[in-house]
Amino acid sequence: MPRLVESFSSVVNTNESTVGSRLIDFVRMNPLIVLGSRIGEDPQGFLDEIHKIVDAMGVSSGKKEELASYQLKDVAQIRYTQWNANRPEEAGPIEWEDFKKSFLGKYFPL
């Protein structure tokens, strides 16, 4: 049993360091920040830049949204938090295409 716990701890610690190092690498790329309240912000440009960075990093679709959300500040972060909280539980993980569609919908409502 102790070996199992040690093995599990090792996997968890590796996963945490991978997430942490991925975030550090992402932030070092200096991606755009979106406030959601600034005149002249380019939502499509933000998405394009984030996509280019996370693709170069080899990030999966389900993790792209997570990294992009770190670059949302002020009103944009509030909108994201509300949108995420209001998603049905059965909706599953947020995929990049879902994030893009919702993000652009906030800036360019149909």
C-alpha atoms as a PDB file:
ATOM      1  CA  MET A   1       0.000   0.000   0.000  1.00  0.00           C
ATOM      2  CA  PRO A   2       2.775   2.542   0.765  1.00  0.00           C
ATOM      3  CA  ARG A   3       4.228   1.970  -2.722  1.00  0.00           C
ATOM      4  CA  LEU A   4       0.862   2.693  -4.285  1.00  0.00           C
ATOM      5  CA  VAL A   5       0.597   5.938  -2.322  1.00  0.00           C
ATOM      6  CA  GLU A   6       4.140   6.908  -3.319  1.00  0.00           C
ATOM      7  CA  SER A   7       3.410   6.149  -6.971  1.00  0.00           C
ATOM      8  CA  PHE A   8       0.175   8.110  -6.881  1.00  0.00           C
ATOM      9  CA  SER A   9       1.889  11.053  -5.156  1.00  0.00           C
ATOM     10  CA  SER A  10       4.573  11.023  -7.811  1.00  0.00           C
ATOM     11  CA  VAL A  11       1.985  11.148 -10.607  1.00  0.00           C
ATOM     12  CA  VAL A  12       0.052  13.957  -8.900  1.00  0.00           C
ATOM     13  CA  ASN A  13       3.206  15.996  -8.284  1.00  0.00           C
ATOM     14  CA  THR A  14       4.328  15.492 -11.879  1.00  0.00           C
ATOM     15  CA  ASN A  15       0.913  16.605 -13.124  1.00  0.00           C
ATOM     16  CA  GLU A  16       0.941  19.698 -10.906  1.00  0.00           C
ATOM     17  CA  SER A  17       4.425  20.673 -12.043  1.00  0.00           C
ATOM     18  CA  THR A  18       3.394  20.139 -15.665  1.00  0.00           C
ATOM     19  CA  VAL A  19       0.402  22.459 -15.241  1.00  0.00           C
ATOM     20  CA  GLY A  20       2.539  24.994 -13.405  1.00  0.00           C
ATOM     21  CA  SER A  21       5.355  24.894 -15.930  1.00  0.00           C
ATOM     22  CA  ARG A  22       2.861  25.097 -18.803  1.00  0.00           C
ATOM     23  CA  LEU A  23       1.365  28.255 -17.277  1.00  0.00           C
ATOM     24  CA  ILE A  24       4.813  29.753 -16.725  1.00  0.00           C
ATOM     25  CA  ASP A  25       5.792  28.992 -20.334  1.00  0.00           C
ATOM     26  CA  PHE A  26       2.527  30.494 -21.576  1.00  0.00           C
ATOM     27  CA  VAL A  27       2.918  33.719 -19.582  1.00  0.00           C
ATOM     28  CA  ARG A  28       6.538  34.065 -20.745  1.00  0.00           C
ATOM     29  CA  MET A  29       5.213  34.289 -24.300  1.00  0.00           C
ATOM     30  CA  ASN A  30       3.602  37.578 -23.211  1.00  0.00           C
ATOM     31  CA  PRO A  31       0.151  36.983 -24.759  1.00  0.00           C
ATOM     32  CA  LEU A  32      -2.338  39.815 -25.085  1.00  0.00           C
ATOM     33  CA  ILE A  33      -4.557  40.698 -22.140  1.00  0.00           C
ATOM     34  CA  VAL A  34      -8.240  41.498 -22.617  1.00  0.00           C
ATOM     35  CA  LEU A  35     -10.006  43.786 -20.166  1.00  0.00           C
ATOM     36  CA  GLY A  36     -13.390  43.789 -21.867  1.00  0.00           C
ATOM     37  CA  SER A  37     -13.794  47.508 -21.238  1.00  0.00           C
ATOM     38  CA  ARG A  38     -11.084  49.103 -23.356  1.00  0.00           C
ATOM     39  CA  ILE A  39     -12.011  50.814 -26.614  1.00  0.00           C
ATOM     40  CA  GLY A  40     -10.152  49.317 -29.533  1.00  0.00           C
ATOM     41  CA  GLU A  41      -9.594  45.850 -28.084  1.00  0.00           C
ATOM     42  CA  ASP A  42      -9.351  43.212 -30.783  1.00  0.00           C
ATOM     43  CA  PRO A  43     -11.132  40.046 -29.584  1.00  0.00           C
ATOM     44  CA  GLN A  44     -10.357  38.094 -32.753  1.00  0.00           C
ATOM     45  CA  GLY A  45      -6.713  39.158 -32.578  1.00  0.00           C
ATOM     46  CA  PHE A  46      -6.602  37.984 -28.958  1.00  0.00           C
ATOM     47  CA  LEU A  47      -7.995  34.567 -29.906  1.00  0.00           C
ATOM     48  CA  ASP A  48      -5.651  34.258 -32.884  1.00  0.00           C
ATOM     49  CA  GLU A  49      -2.596  35.070 -30.756  1.00  0.00           C
ATOM     50  CA  ILE A  50      -3.605  32.728 -27.944  1.00  0.00           C
ATOM     51  CA  HIS A  51      -4.285  29.942 -30.455  1.00  0.00           C
ATOM     52  CA  LYS A  52      -0.897  30.425 -32.094  1.00  0.00           C
ATOM     53  CA  ILE A  53       0.903  30.267 -28.724  1.00  0.00           C
ATOM     54  CA  VAL A  54      -0.940  27.256 -27.317  1.00  0.00           C
ATOM     55  CA  ASP A  55      -0.611  25.350 -30.595  1.00  0.00           C
ATOM     56  CA  ALA A  56       3.157  25.942 -30.557  1.00  0.00           C
ATOM     57  CA  MET A  57       3.193  24.661 -26.971  1.00  0.00           C
ATOM     58  CA  GLY A  58       1.266  21.517 -27.976  1.00  0.00           C
ATOM     59  CA  VAL A  59      -1.633  22.257 -25.621  1.00  0.00           C
ATOM     60  CA  SER A  60      -4.785  20.144 -26.038  1.00  0.00           C
ATOM     61  CA  SER A  61      -8.111  21.731 -26.985  1.00  0.00           C
ATOM     62  CA  GLY A  62      -9.490  21.312 -23.482  1.00  0.00           C
ATOM     63  CA  LYS A  63      -6.545  23.165 -21.918  1.00  0.00           C
ATOM     64  CA  LYS A  64      -6.364  26.065 -24.402  1.00  0.00           C
ATOM     65  CA  GLU A  65      -9.376  27.745 -22.809  1.00  0.00           C
ATOM     66  CA  GLU A  66      -7.841  27.376 -19.364  1.00  0.00           C
ATOM     67  CA  LEU A  67      -4.665  29.186 -20.394  1.00  0.00           C
ATOM     68  CA  ALA A  68      -6.594  31.847 -22.330  1.00  0.00           C
ATOM     69  CA  SER A  69      -8.689  32.588 -19.253  1.00  0.00           C
ATOM     70  CA  TYR A  70      -5.542  33.695 -17.394  1.00  0.00           C
ATOM     71  CA  GLN A  71      -5.306  36.602 -19.827  1.00  0.00           C
ATOM     72  CA  LEU A  72      -8.841  37.850 -19.150  1.00  0.00           C
ATOM     73  CA  LYS A  73      -8.883  40.710 -16.669  1.00  0.00           C
ATOM     74  CA  ASP A  74     -11.442  43.150 -15.278  1.00  0.00           C
ATOM     75  CA  VAL A  75     -14.829  42.935 -17.068  1.00  0.00           C
ATOM     76  CA  ALA A  76     -13.663  40.117 -19.343  1.00  0.00           C
ATOM     77  CA  GLN A  77     -12.771  37.962 -16.319  1.00  0.00           C
ATOM     78  CA  ILE A  78     -16.156  38.648 -14.710  1.00  0.00           C
ATOM     79  CA  ARG A  79     -17.969  37.663 -17.919  1.00  0.00           C
ATOM     80  CA  TYR A  80     -15.905  34.495 -18.219  1.00  0.00           C
ATOM     81  CA  THR A  81     -16.514  33.528 -14.593  1.00  0.00           C
ATOM     82  CA  GLN A  82     -20.274  34.055 -14.959  1.00  0.00           C
ATOM     83  CA  TRP A  83     -20.395  32.141 -18.241  1.00  0.00           C
ATOM     84  CA  ASN A  84     -18.422  29.257 -16.771  1.00  0.00           C
ATOM     85  CA  ALA A  85     -20.572  29.152 -13.612  1.00  0.00           C
ATOM     86  CA  ASN A  86     -23.799  29.097 -15.651  1.00  0.00           C
ATOM     87  CA  ARG A  87     -22.766  26.194 -17.876  1.00  0.00           C
ATOM     88  CA  PRO A  88     -24.714  23.004 -17.206  1.00  0.00           C
ATOM     89  CA  GLU A  89     -22.703  20.370 -15.344  1.00  0.00           C
ATOM     90  CA  GLU A  90     -23.395  17.837 -18.079  1.00  0.00           C
ATOM     91  CA  ALA A  91     -21.754  20.155 -20.640  1.00  0.00           C
ATOM     92  CA  GLY A  92     -18.366  18.642 -19.776  1.00  0.00           C
ATOM     93  CA  PRO A  93     -14.985  20.297 -20.175  1.00  0.00           C
ATOM     94  CA  ILE A  94     -14.797  23.525 -22.141  1.00  0.00           C
ATOM     95  CA  GLU A  95     -13.317  22.953 -25.571  1.00  0.00           C
ATOM     96  CA  TRP A  96     -11.503  25.703 -27.479  1.00  0.00           C
ATOM     97  CA  GLU A  97     -14.261  26.100 -30.081  1.00  0.00           C
ATOM     98  CA  ASP A  98     -16.898  26.570 -27.349  1.00  0.00           C
ATOM     99  CA  PHE A  99     -14.729  29.169 -25.649  1.00  0.00           C
ATOM    100  CA  LYS A 100     -14.118  31.068 -28.904  1.00  0.00           C
ATOM    101  CA  LYS A 101     -17.802  31.101 -29.799  1.00  0.00           C
ATOM    102  CA  SER A 102     -18.844  32.383 -26.381  1.00  0.00           C
ATOM    103  CA  PHE A 103     -15.980  34.879 -26.178  1.00  0.00           C
ATOM    104  CA  LEU A 104     -16.779  36.421 -29.542  1.00  0.00           C
ATOM    105  CA  GLY A 105     -20.505  36.372 -28.686  1.00  0.00           C
ATOM    106  CA  LYS A 106     -19.786  38.701 -25.769  1.00  0.00           C
ATOM    107  CA  TYR A 107     -18.056  41.172 -28.078  1.00  0.00           C
ATOM    108  CA  PHE A 108     -20.096  40.670 -31.244  1.00  0.00           C
ATOM    109  CA  PRO A 109     -23.551  39.522 -30.116  1.00  0.00           C
ATOM    110  CA  LEU A 110     -25.712  38.122 -32.887  1.00  0.00           C
END
